[in-house]
All heavy atoms as atom14 arrays in JSON, in Angstrom:
{
  "sequence": "HHFRLDMVDKVCKMFKDNSLPFGGMQVILVGDFFQLPPIARGDEQAYF",
  "atom14_mask": [
    [1, 1, 1, 1, 1, 1, 1, 1, 1, 1, 0, 0, 0, 0],
    [1, 1, 1, 1, 1, 1, 1, 1, 1, 1, 0, 0, 0, 0],
    [1, 1, 1, 1, 1, 1, 1, 1, 1, 1, 1, 0, 0, 0],
    [1, 1, 1, 1, 1, 1, 1, 1, 1, 1, 1, 0, 0, 0],
    [1, 1, 1, 1, 1, 1, 1, 1, 0, 0, 0, 0, 0, 0],
    [1, 1, 1, 1, 1, 1, 1, 1, 0, 0, 0, 0, 0, 0],
    [1, 1, 1, 1, 1, 1, 1, 1, 0, 0, 0, 0, 0, 0],
    [1, 1, 1, 1, 1, 1, 1, 0, 0, 0, 0, 0, 0, 0],
    [1, 1, 1, 1, 1, 1, 1, 1, 0, 0, 0, 0, 0, 0],
    [1, 1, 1, 1, 1, 1, 1, 1, 1, 0, 0, 0, 0, 0],
    [1, 1, 1, 1, 1, 1, 1, 0, 0, 0, 0, 0, 0, 0],
    [1, 1, 1, 1, 1, 1, 0, 0, 0, 0, 0, 0, 0, 0],
    [1, 1, 1, 1, 1, 1, 1, 1, 1, 0, 0, 0, 0, 0],
    [1, 1, 1, 1, 1, 1, 1, 1, 0, 0, 0, 0, 0, 0],
    [1, 1, 1, 1, 1, 1, 1, 1, 1, 1, 1, 0, 0, 0],
    [1, 1, 1, 1, 1, 1, 1, 1, 1, 0, 0, 0, 0, 0],
    [1, 1, 1, 1, 1, 1, 1, 1, 0, 0, 0, 0, 0, 0],
    [1, 1, 1, 1, 1, 1, 1, 1, 0, 0, 0, 0, 0, 0],
    [1, 1, 1, 1, 1, 1, 0, 0, 0, 0, 0, 0, 0, 0],
    [1, 1, 1, 1, 1, 1, 1, 1, 0, 0, 0, 0, 0, 0],
    [1, 1, 1, 1, 1, 1, 1, 0, 0, 0, 0, 0, 0, 0],
    [1, 1, 1, 1, 1, 1, 1, 1, 1, 1, 1, 0, 0, 0],
    [1, 1, 1, 1, 0, 0, 0, 0, 0, 0, 0, 0, 0, 0],
    [1, 1, 1, 1, 0, 0, 0, 0, 0, 0, 0, 0, 0, 0],
    [1, 1, 1, 1, 1, 1, 1, 1, 0, 0, 0, 0, 0, 0],
    [1, 1, 1, 1, 1, 1, 1, 1, 1, 0, 0, 0, 0, 0],
    [1, 1, 1, 1, 1, 1, 1, 0, 0, 0, 0, 0, 0, 0],
    [1, 1, 1, 1, 1, 1, 1, 1, 0, 0, 0, 0, 0, 0],
    [1, 1, 1, 1, 1, 1, 1, 1, 0, 0, 0, 0, 0, 0],
    [1, 1, 1, 1, 1, 1, 1, 0, 0, 0, 0, 0, 0, 0],
    [1, 1, 1, 1, 0, 0, 0, 0, 0, 0, 0, 0, 0, 0],
    [1, 1, 1, 1, 1, 1, 1, 1, 0, 0, 0, 0, 0, 0],
    [1, 1, 1, 1, 1, 1, 1, 1, 1, 1, 1, 0, 0, 0],
    [1, 1, 1, 1, 1, 1, 1, 1, 1, 1, 1, 0, 0, 0],
    [1, 1, 1, 1, 1, 1, 1, 1, 1, 0, 0, 0, 0, 0],
    [1, 1, 1, 1, 1, 1, 1, 1, 0, 0, 0, 0, 0, 0],
    [1, 1, 1, 1, 1, 1, 1, 0, 0, 0, 0, 0, 0, 0],
    [1, 1, 1, 1, 1, 1, 1, 0, 0, 0, 0, 0, 0, 0],
    [1, 1, 1, 1, 1, 1, 1, 1, 0, 0, 0, 0, 0, 0],
    [1, 1, 1, 1, 1, 0, 0, 0, 0, 0, 0, 0, 0, 0],
    [1, 1, 1, 1, 1, 1, 1, 1, 1, 1, 1, 0, 0, 0],
    [1, 1, 1, 1, 0, 0, 0, 0, 0, 0, 0, 0, 0, 0],
    [1, 1, 1, 1, 1, 1, 1, 1, 0, 0, 0, 0, 0, 0],
    [1, 1, 1, 1, 1, 1, 1, 1, 1, 0, 0, 0, 0, 0],
    [1, 1, 1, 1, 1, 1, 1, 1, 1, 0, 0, 0, 0, 0],
    [1, 1, 1, 1, 1, 0, 0, 0, 0, 0, 0, 0, 0, 0],
    [1, 1, 1, 1, 1, 1, 1, 1, 1, 1, 1, 1, 0, 0],
    [1, 1, 1, 1, 1, 1, 1, 1, 1, 1, 1, 0, 0, 0]
  ],
  "atom14_positions": [
    [[-14.13, 1.05, 1.95], [-13.94, -0.31, 1.62], [-12.46, -0.74, 1.36], [-11.77, 0.15, 0.8], [-14.75, -0.79, 0.42], [-16.29, -0.7, 0.68], [-16.91, 0.51, 0.61], [-17.23, -1.67, 1.0], [-18.24, 0.28, 0.92], [-18.42, -1.04, 1.05], [0.0, 0.0, 0.0], [0.0, 0.0, 0.0], [0.0, 0.0, 0.0], [0.0, 0.0, 0.0]],
    [[-12.03, -1.97, 1.7], [-10.56, -2.33, 1.52], [-10.27, -2.22, 0.06], [-9.19, -1.73, -0.37], [-10.44, -3.76, 2.06], [-11.18, -4.88, 1.24], [-12.52, -4.93, 1.21], [-10.63, -5.83, 0.48], [-12.89, -5.98, 0.4], [-11.72, -6.53, -0.02], [0.0, 0.0, 0.0], [0.0, 0.0, 0.0], [0.0, 0.0, 0.0], [0.0, 0.0, 0.0]],
    [[-11.16, -2.66, -0.93], [-10.8, -2.68, -2.36], [-10.68, -1.18, -2.83], [-10.0, -1.0, -3.85], [-11.9, -3.42, -3.14], [-13.32, -3.05, -2.98], [-13.76, -1.94, -3.74], [-14.18, -3.62, -2.13], [-15.14, -1.5, -3.63], [-15.49, -3.24, -1.96], [-15.88, -2.29, -2.82], [0.0, 0.0, 0.0], [0.0, 0.0, 0.0], [0.0, 0.0, 0.0]],
    [[-11.36, -0.25, -2.24], [-11.28, 1.11, -2.74], [-9.81, 1.72, -2.4], [-9.29, 2.47, -3.17], [-12.36, 1.96, -2.13], [-13.69, 1.74, -2.75], [-14.39, 3.06, -3.22], [-15.52, 2.71, -4.06], [-16.7, 2.38, -3.53], [-16.84, 2.25, -2.25], [-17.65, 2.09, -4.35], [0.0, 0.0, 0.0], [0.0, 0.0, 0.0], [0.0, 0.0, 0.0]],
    [[-9.27, 1.36, -1.16], [-7.96, 1.75, -0.95], [-6.94, 1.26, -1.94], [-6.03, 1.94, -2.41], [-7.62, 1.37, 0.53], [-6.33, 2.04, 1.1], [-6.57, 3.54, 1.26], [-5.81, 1.4, 2.38], [0.0, 0.0, 0.0], [0.0, 0.0, 0.0], [0.0, 0.0, 0.0], [0.0, 0.0, 0.0], [0.0, 0.0, 0.0], [0.0, 0.0, 0.0]],
    [[-7.15, 0.05, -2.31], [-6.25, -0.57, -3.3], [-6.47, 0.15, -4.63], [-5.53, 0.3, -5.39], [-6.56, -2.07, -3.48], [-5.97, -2.89, -2.38], [-4.84, -2.49, -1.84], [-6.56, -3.93, -2.01], [0.0, 0.0, 0.0], [0.0, 0.0, 0.0], [0.0, 0.0, 0.0], [0.0, 0.0, 0.0], [0.0, 0.0, 0.0], [0.0, 0.0, 0.0]],
    [[-7.71, 0.53, -4.98], [-7.93, 1.16, -6.3], [-7.27, 2.57, -6.3], [-6.65, 2.91, -7.25], [-9.44, 1.32, -6.41], [-9.91, 1.39, -7.88], [-11.73, 1.92, -8.06], [-12.47, 0.59, -7.02], [0.0, 0.0, 0.0], [0.0, 0.0, 0.0], [0.0, 0.0, 0.0], [0.0, 0.0, 0.0], [0.0, 0.0, 0.0], [0.0, 0.0, 0.0]],
    [[-7.4, 3.27, -5.19], [-6.77, 4.57, -5.03], [-5.16, 4.48, -5.22], [-4.48, 5.19, -5.86], [-7.13, 5.33, -3.68], [-6.3, 6.59, -3.56], [-8.61, 5.6, -3.64], [0.0, 0.0, 0.0], [0.0, 0.0, 0.0], [0.0, 0.0, 0.0], [0.0, 0.0, 0.0], [0.0, 0.0, 0.0], [0.0, 0.0, 0.0], [0.0, 0.0, 0.0]],
    [[-4.69, 3.39, -4.48], [-3.21, 3.06, -4.62], [-2.82, 2.96, -6.06], [-1.79, 3.49, -6.55], [-3.0, 1.84, -3.76], [-1.44, 1.38, -4.0], [-0.58, 2.18, -3.79], [-1.3, 0.25, -4.26], [0.0, 0.0, 0.0], [0.0, 0.0, 0.0], [0.0, 0.0, 0.0], [0.0, 0.0, 0.0], [0.0, 0.0, 0.0], [0.0, 0.0, 0.0]],
    [[-3.57, 2.19, -6.95], [-3.23, 1.97, -8.19], [-3.2, 3.19, -9.09], [-2.37, 3.43, -9.92], [-4.19, 0.95, -8.9], [-3.97, -0.46, -8.5], [-5.0, -1.41, -9.16], [-4.82, -2.93, -8.73], [-5.92, -3.72, -9.29], [0.0, 0.0, 0.0], [0.0, 0.0, 0.0], [0.0, 0.0, 0.0], [0.0, 0.0, 0.0], [0.0, 0.0, 0.0]],
    [[-4.21, 4.09, -8.89], [-4.33, 5.27, -9.53], [-3.05, 6.2, -9.25], [-2.54, 6.8, -10.09], [-5.69, 5.9, -9.21], [-5.71, 7.38, -9.87], [-6.88, 5.24, -9.75], [0.0, 0.0, 0.0], [0.0, 0.0, 0.0], [0.0, 0.0, 0.0], [0.0, 0.0, 0.0], [0.0, 0.0, 0.0], [0.0, 0.0, 0.0], [0.0, 0.0, 0.0]],
    [[-2.86, 6.22, -7.94], [-1.71, 7.09, -7.56], [-0.36, 6.66, -8.16], [0.39, 7.42, -8.64], [-1.57, 7.03, -5.99], [-2.87, 7.83, -5.09], [0.0, 0.0, 0.0], [0.0, 0.0, 0.0], [0.0, 0.0, 0.0], [0.0, 0.0, 0.0], [0.0, 0.0, 0.0], [0.0, 0.0, 0.0], [0.0, 0.0, 0.0], [0.0, 0.0, 0.0]],
    [[-0.12, 5.38, -8.26], [1.05, 4.74, -8.82], [1.2, 5.19, -10.28], [2.27, 5.49, -10.78], [1.12, 3.21, -8.7], [1.48, 2.74, -7.17], [1.33, 1.22, -7.09], [1.78, 0.79, -5.67], [1.44, -0.65, -5.39], [0.0, 0.0, 0.0], [0.0, 0.0, 0.0], [0.0, 0.0, 0.0], [0.0, 0.0, 0.0], [0.0, 0.0, 0.0]],
    [[0.02, 4.96, -10.97], [0.03, 5.28, -12.36], [0.29, 6.8, -12.66], [1.18, 7.06, -13.46], [-1.36, 4.98, -12.97], [-1.45, 5.25, -14.48], [-3.13, 5.08, -15.02], [-3.84, 6.63, -14.38], [0.0, 0.0, 0.0], [0.0, 0.0, 0.0], [0.0, 0.0, 0.0], [0.0, 0.0, 0.0], [0.0, 0.0, 0.0], [0.0, 0.0, 0.0]],
    [[-0.42, 7.65, -11.96], [-0.17, 9.09, -12.15], [1.29, 9.54, -11.67], [1.81, 10.42, -12.33], [-1.18, 9.93, -11.44], [-2.44, 10.21, -12.27], [-3.55, 9.46, -11.95], [-2.53, 11.16, -13.31], [-4.73, 9.63, -12.7], [-3.61, 11.25, -14.04], [-4.71, 10.58, -13.82], [0.0, 0.0, 0.0], [0.0, 0.0, 0.0], [0.0, 0.0, 0.0]],
    [[1.81, 9.0, -10.66], [3.1, 9.38, -10.13], [4.2, 8.62, -10.87], [5.41, 8.98, -10.71], [3.17, 9.06, -8.58], [2.36, 10.04, -7.71], [2.9, 11.34, -7.62], [2.4, 12.2, -6.5], [2.98, 13.48, -6.47], [0.0, 0.0, 0.0], [0.0, 0.0, 0.0], [0.0, 0.0, 0.0], [0.0, 0.0, 0.0], [0.0, 0.0, 0.0]],
    [[3.82, 7.58, -11.7], [4.84, 6.76, -12.38], [5.92, 6.28, -11.4], [7.03, 6.4, -11.6], [5.47, 7.54, -13.58], [6.3, 6.62, -14.44], [6.09, 5.53, -14.47], [7.23, 7.17, -15.13], [0.0, 0.0, 0.0], [0.0, 0.0, 0.0], [0.0, 0.0, 0.0], [0.0, 0.0, 0.0], [0.0, 0.0, 0.0], [0.0, 0.0, 0.0]],
    [[5.41, 5.77, -10.24], [6.2, 5.27, -9.13], [5.56, 4.07, -8.52], [4.31, 4.14, -8.28], [6.23, 6.48, -8.16], [7.28, 6.22, -6.98], [7.44, 5.09, -6.62], [7.96, 7.34, -6.56], [0.0, 0.0, 0.0], [0.0, 0.0, 0.0], [0.0, 0.0, 0.0], [0.0, 0.0, 0.0], [0.0, 0.0, 0.0], [0.0, 0.0, 0.0]],
    [[6.35, 3.06, -8.38], [5.79, 1.76, -7.82], [5.64, 1.67, -6.41], [5.19, 0.66, -5.89], [6.61, 0.56, -8.4], [7.87, 0.79, -7.94], [0.0, 0.0, 0.0], [0.0, 0.0, 0.0], [0.0, 0.0, 0.0], [0.0, 0.0, 0.0], [0.0, 0.0, 0.0], [0.0, 0.0, 0.0], [0.0, 0.0, 0.0], [0.0, 0.0, 0.0]],
    [[6.15, 2.69, -5.65], [5.94, 2.67, -4.23], [4.51, 2.84, -3.93], [3.7, 3.38, -4.68], [6.8, 3.86, -3.63], [8.29, 3.67, -3.57], [9.01, 5.08, -3.2], [8.69, 2.64, -2.77], [0.0, 0.0, 0.0], [0.0, 0.0, 0.0], [0.0, 0.0, 0.0], [0.0, 0.0, 0.0], [0.0, 0.0, 0.0], [0.0, 0.0, 0.0]],
    [[4.06, 2.39, -2.72], [2.66, 2.6, -2.26], [2.25, 4.04, -2.42], [2.9, 4.93, -2.07], [2.71, 2.18, -0.8], [3.72, 1.2, -0.6], [4.87, 1.73, -1.65], [0.0, 0.0, 0.0], [0.0, 0.0, 0.0], [0.0, 0.0, 0.0], [0.0, 0.0, 0.0], [0.0, 0.0, 0.0], [0.0, 0.0, 0.0], [0.0, 0.0, 0.0]],
    [[1.12, 4.22, -3.13], [0.5, 5.55, -3.35], [1.45, 6.45, -4.12], [1.5, 7.71, -3.92], [0.05, 6.2, -2.11], [-1.22, 5.46, -1.47], [-0.87, 4.38, -0.48], [-2.51, 5.61, -1.84], [-1.89, 3.76, -0.04], [-3.51, 4.96, -1.32], [-3.29, 3.94, -0.43], [0.0, 0.0, 0.0], [0.0, 0.0, 0.0], [0.0, 0.0, 0.0]],
    [[2.34, 5.8, -4.99], [3.18, 6.57, -5.8], [4.33, 7.29, -5.04], [4.91, 8.31, -5.61], [0.0, 0.0, 0.0], [0.0, 0.0, 0.0], [0.0, 0.0, 0.0], [0.0, 0.0, 0.0], [0.0, 0.0, 0.0], [0.0, 0.0, 0.0], [0.0, 0.0, 0.0], [0.0, 0.0, 0.0], [0.0, 0.0, 0.0], [0.0, 0.0, 0.0]],
    [[4.51, 6.94, -3.88], [5.58, 7.59, -2.97], [5.08, 8.72, -2.11], [5.93, 9.39, -1.52], [0.0, 0.0, 0.0], [0.0, 0.0, 0.0], [0.0, 0.0, 0.0], [0.0, 0.0, 0.0], [0.0, 0.0, 0.0], [0.0, 0.0, 0.0], [0.0, 0.0, 0.0], [0.0, 0.0, 0.0], [0.0, 0.0, 0.0], [0.0, 0.0, 0.0]],
    [[3.78, 9.15, -2.24], [3.3, 10.23, -1.35], [3.23, 9.78, 0.1], [3.11, 8.5, 0.44], [1.79, 10.59, -1.82], [1.72, 11.35, -3.08], [-0.06, 11.89, -3.32], [-0.73, 10.4, -3.8], [0.0, 0.0, 0.0], [0.0, 0.0, 0.0], [0.0, 0.0, 0.0], [0.0, 0.0, 0.0], [0.0, 0.0, 0.0], [0.0, 0.0, 0.0]],
    [[3.38, 10.74, 0.97], [3.08, 10.36, 2.37], [1.54, 10.17, 2.54], [0.87, 11.12, 2.09], [3.62, 11.49, 3.39], [3.21, 11.25, 4.87], [3.52, 12.31, 5.77], [3.64, 13.47, 5.38], [3.6, 12.08, 7.06], [0.0, 0.0, 0.0], [0.0, 0.0, 0.0], [0.0, 0.0, 0.0], [0.0, 0.0, 0.0], [0.0, 0.0, 0.0]],
    [[1.07, 9.11, 3.16], [-0.29, 8.79, 3.32], [-0.72, 8.86, 4.81], [0.01, 8.23, 5.61], [-0.63, 7.47, 2.65], [-2.12, 7.22, 2.81], [-0.32, 7.5, 1.14], [0.0, 0.0, 0.0], [0.0, 0.0, 0.0], [0.0, 0.0, 0.0], [0.0, 0.0, 0.0], [0.0, 0.0, 0.0], [0.0, 0.0, 0.0], [0.0, 0.0, 0.0]],
    [[-1.65, 9.52, 5.08], [-2.24, 9.52, 6.53], [-3.64, 9.12, 6.58], [-4.51, 9.74, 6.0], [-2.11, 11.03, 7.01], [-0.64, 11.55, 7.05], [-2.61, 11.02, 8.52], [-0.58, 12.99, 6.92], [0.0, 0.0, 0.0], [0.0, 0.0, 0.0], [0.0, 0.0, 0.0], [0.0, 0.0, 0.0], [0.0, 0.0, 0.0], [0.0, 0.0, 0.0]],
    [[-3.88, 7.91, 7.12], [-5.2, 7.34, 7.33], [-5.66, 7.7, 8.71], [-4.94, 7.48, 9.67], [-5.16, 5.81, 7.09], [-4.52, 5.34, 5.72], [-4.49, 3.93, 5.68], [-5.3, 5.89, 4.56], [0.0, 0.0, 0.0], [0.0, 0.0, 0.0], [0.0, 0.0, 0.0], [0.0, 0.0, 0.0], [0.0, 0.0, 0.0], [0.0, 0.0, 0.0]],
    [[-6.9, 8.25, 8.8], [-7.37, 8.82, 10.06], [-8.67, 8.13, 10.37], [-9.61, 8.03, 9.48], [-7.58, 10.28, 10.13], [-7.9, 10.8, 11.5], [-6.34, 11.04, 9.56], [0.0, 0.0, 0.0], [0.0, 0.0, 0.0], [0.0, 0.0, 0.0], [0.0, 0.0, 0.0], [0.0, 0.0, 0.0], [0.0, 0.0, 0.0], [0.0, 0.0, 0.0]],
    [[-8.87, 7.46, 11.44], [-10.12, 6.95, 11.84], [-10.07, 5.94, 12.94], [-9.04, 5.69, 13.57], [0.0, 0.0, 0.0], [0.0, 0.0, 0.0], [0.0, 0.0, 0.0], [0.0, 0.0, 0.0], [0.0, 0.0, 0.0], [0.0, 0.0, 0.0], [0.0, 0.0, 0.0], [0.0, 0.0, 0.0], [0.0, 0.0, 0.0], [0.0, 0.0, 0.0]],
    [[-11.26, 5.32, 13.21], [-11.28, 4.4, 14.39], [-12.16, 3.2, 13.89], [-13.37, 3.41, 13.61], [-12.05, 5.14, 15.49], [-12.26, 4.17, 16.71], [-11.65, 3.11, 16.84], [-13.12, 4.58, 17.56], [0.0, 0.0, 0.0], [0.0, 0.0, 0.0], [0.0, 0.0, 0.0], [0.0, 0.0, 0.0], [0.0, 0.0, 0.0], [0.0, 0.0, 0.0]],
    [[-11.63, 2.01, 13.82], [-12.37, 0.83, 13.38], [-13.48, 0.46, 14.23], [-14.25, -0.47, 13.9], [-11.35, -0.34, 13.03], [-10.47, -0.07, 11.86], [-9.22, -0.69, 11.96], [-10.81, 0.76, 10.86], [-8.34, -0.45, 10.88], [-9.92, 0.9, 9.78], [-8.7, 0.36, 9.72], [0.0, 0.0, 0.0], [0.0, 0.0, 0.0], [0.0, 0.0, 0.0]],
    [[-13.5, 0.96, 15.41], [-14.59, 0.56, 16.35], [-15.86, 1.5, 16.0], [-16.88, 1.17, 16.65], [-14.22, 0.82, 17.84], [-13.3, -0.21, 18.29], [-11.98, 0.02, 18.35], [-13.85, -1.4, 18.69], [-11.05, -1.02, 18.9], [-13.0, -2.44, 19.21], [-11.65, -2.22, 19.3], [0.0, 0.0, 0.0], [0.0, 0.0, 0.0], [0.0, 0.0, 0.0]],
    [[-15.69, 2.39, 15.24], [-16.92, 3.3, 14.75], [-17.54, 2.69, 13.54], [-17.42, 1.58, 13.3], [-16.44, 4.62, 14.63], [-15.95, 5.21, 15.94], [-15.72, 6.73, 16.07], [-16.52, 7.5, 15.57], [-14.65, 7.16, 16.65], [0.0, 0.0, 0.0], [0.0, 0.0, 0.0], [0.0, 0.0, 0.0], [0.0, 0.0, 0.0], [0.0, 0.0, 0.0]],
    [[-18.32, 3.52, 12.78], [-19.16, 3.0, 11.64], [-18.29, 2.25, 10.51], [-17.29, 2.81, 10.07], [-19.95, 4.11, 10.99], [-20.97, 4.76, 12.03], [-21.68, 5.91, 11.27], [-21.94, 3.79, 12.52], [0.0, 0.0, 0.0], [0.0, 0.0, 0.0], [0.0, 0.0, 0.0], [0.0, 0.0, 0.0], [0.0, 0.0, 0.0], [0.0, 0.0, 0.0]],
    [[-18.71, 1.06, 10.18], [-17.98, 0.32, 9.22], [-18.29, 0.6, 7.8], [-19.27, 1.4, 7.44], [-18.4, -1.1, 9.52], [-19.74, -0.98, 9.98], [-19.88, 0.34, 10.68], [0.0, 0.0, 0.0], [0.0, 0.0, 0.0], [0.0, 0.0, 0.0], [0.0, 0.0, 0.0], [0.0, 0.0, 0.0], [0.0, 0.0, 0.0], [0.0, 0.0, 0.0]],
    [[-17.59, 0.12, 6.81], [-18.08, 0.21, 5.41], [-19.38, -0.46, 5.21], [-19.76, -1.39, 5.97], [-16.95, -0.66, 4.62], [-15.87, -0.82, 5.5], [-16.38, -0.83, 6.83], [0.0, 0.0, 0.0], [0.0, 0.0, 0.0], [0.0, 0.0, 0.0], [0.0, 0.0, 0.0], [0.0, 0.0, 0.0], [0.0, 0.0, 0.0], [0.0, 0.0, 0.0]],
    [[-20.23, 0.0, 4.24], [-21.52, -0.54, 4.07], [-21.47, -1.68, 3.1], [-20.86, -1.56, 2.01], [-22.53, 0.57, 3.57], [-22.56, 1.76, 4.5], [-23.86, 0.01, 3.13], [-23.3, 2.97, 3.93], [0.0, 0.0, 0.0], [0.0, 0.0, 0.0], [0.0, 0.0, 0.0], [0.0, 0.0, 0.0], [0.0, 0.0, 0.0], [0.0, 0.0, 0.0]],
    [[-22.04, -2.84, 3.53], [-22.08, -4.01, 2.72], [-23.06, -3.76, 1.55], [-24.04, -3.14, 1.71], [-22.46, -5.19, 3.52], [0.0, 0.0, 0.0], [0.0, 0.0, 0.0], [0.0, 0.0, 0.0], [0.0, 0.0, 0.0], [0.0, 0.0, 0.0], [0.0, 0.0, 0.0], [0.0, 0.0, 0.0], [0.0, 0.0, 0.0], [0.0, 0.0, 0.0]],
    [[-22.62, -4.16, 0.41], [-23.54, -4.0, -0.8], [-23.98, -5.48, -1.26], [-23.23, -6.38, -1.6], [-22.83, -3.43, -1.94], [-22.34, -1.96, -1.7], [-21.47, -1.48, -2.79], [-20.99, -0.18, -2.48], [-21.55, 0.99, -2.93], [-22.62, 0.91, -3.76], [-21.08, 2.17, -2.74], [0.0, 0.0, 0.0], [0.0, 0.0, 0.0], [0.0, 0.0, 0.0]],
    [[-25.29, -5.72, -1.21], [-25.82, -7.1, -1.63], [-25.31, -8.07, -0.75], [-25.25, -8.01, 0.53], [0.0, 0.0, 0.0], [0.0, 0.0, 0.0], [0.0, 0.0, 0.0], [0.0, 0.0, 0.0], [0.0, 0.0, 0.0], [0.0, 0.0, 0.0], [0.0, 0.0, 0.0], [0.0, 0.0, 0.0], [0.0, 0.0, 0.0], [0.0, 0.0, 0.0]],
    [[-24.78, -9.21, -1.39], [-24.2, -10.33, -0.73], [-22.75, -10.15, -0.45], [-22.15, -10.98, 0.23], [-24.48, -11.62, -1.51], [-25.88, -11.94, -1.69], [-26.66, -11.56, -0.77], [-26.24, -12.57, -2.71], [0.0, 0.0, 0.0], [0.0, 0.0, 0.0], [0.0, 0.0, 0.0], [0.0, 0.0, 0.0], [0.0, 0.0, 0.0], [0.0, 0.0, 0.0]],
    [[-22.13, -9.08, -0.92], [-20.68, -8.88, -0.79], [-20.26, -8.42, 0.57], [-20.91, -7.58, 1.17], [-20.29, -7.89, -1.84], [-18.72, -7.79, -1.94], [-18.26, -6.92, -3.08], [-19.04, -6.27, -3.7], [-17.12, -6.71, -3.3], [0.0, 0.0, 0.0], [0.0, 0.0, 0.0], [0.0, 0.0, 0.0], [0.0, 0.0, 0.0], [0.0, 0.0, 0.0]],
    [[-19.21, -9.12, 1.14], [-18.81, -8.78, 2.49], [-18.03, -7.5, 2.45], [-17.23, -7.21, 1.55], [-17.92, -9.92, 2.98], [-17.23, -9.61, 4.35], [-18.23, -9.74, 5.46], [-19.08, -10.56, 5.52], [-18.19, -8.73, 6.37], [0.0, 0.0, 0.0], [0.0, 0.0, 0.0], [0.0, 0.0, 0.0], [0.0, 0.0, 0.0], [0.0, 0.0, 0.0]],
    [[-18.23, -6.61, 3.47], [-17.62, -5.38, 3.48], [-16.44, -5.45, 4.47], [-16.66, -5.75, 5.65], [-18.51, -4.22, 3.89], [0.0, 0.0, 0.0], [0.0, 0.0, 0.0], [0.0, 0.0, 0.0], [0.0, 0.0, 0.0], [0.0, 0.0, 0.0], [0.0, 0.0, 0.0], [0.0, 0.0, 0.0], [0.0, 0.0, 0.0], [0.0, 0.0, 0.0]],
    [[-15.18, -5.27, 4.0], [-14.09, -5.4, 4.94], [-13.44, -4.03, 5.13], [-13.42, -3.13, 4.26], [-12.96, -6.27, 4.33], [-13.41, -7.71, 4.27], [-13.5, -8.37, 3.0], [-13.62, -8.45, 5.38], [-13.89, -9.67, 2.95], [-13.99, -9.78, 5.26], [-14.18, -10.43, 4.1], [-14.56, -11.72, 4.01], [0.0, 0.0, 0.0], [0.0, 0.0, 0.0]],
    [[-12.89, -3.89, 6.41], [-12.06, -2.64, 6.71], [-10.88, -2.59, 5.89], [-10.39, -3.63, 5.41], [-11.76, -2.53, 8.18], [-13.0, -2.32, 9.07], [-13.62, -3.44, 9.74], [-13.43, -1.07, 9.44], [-14.68, -3.22, 10.55], [-14.57, -0.87, 10.22], [-15.17, -2.02, 10.79], [0.0, 0.0, 0.0], [0.0, 0.0, 0.0], [0.0, 0.0, 0.0]]
  ]
}
């Protein structure tokens, strides 16, 4: 889910004490948006 990536980003910044995305770590996102999407929960829209 889109909001989980943002949550991980916040945690990384806090632990790394660095305001760069993901606290300055190199980040590699792997996948294909044409395949299985995030699962919607209740009425909430699930975004990539």
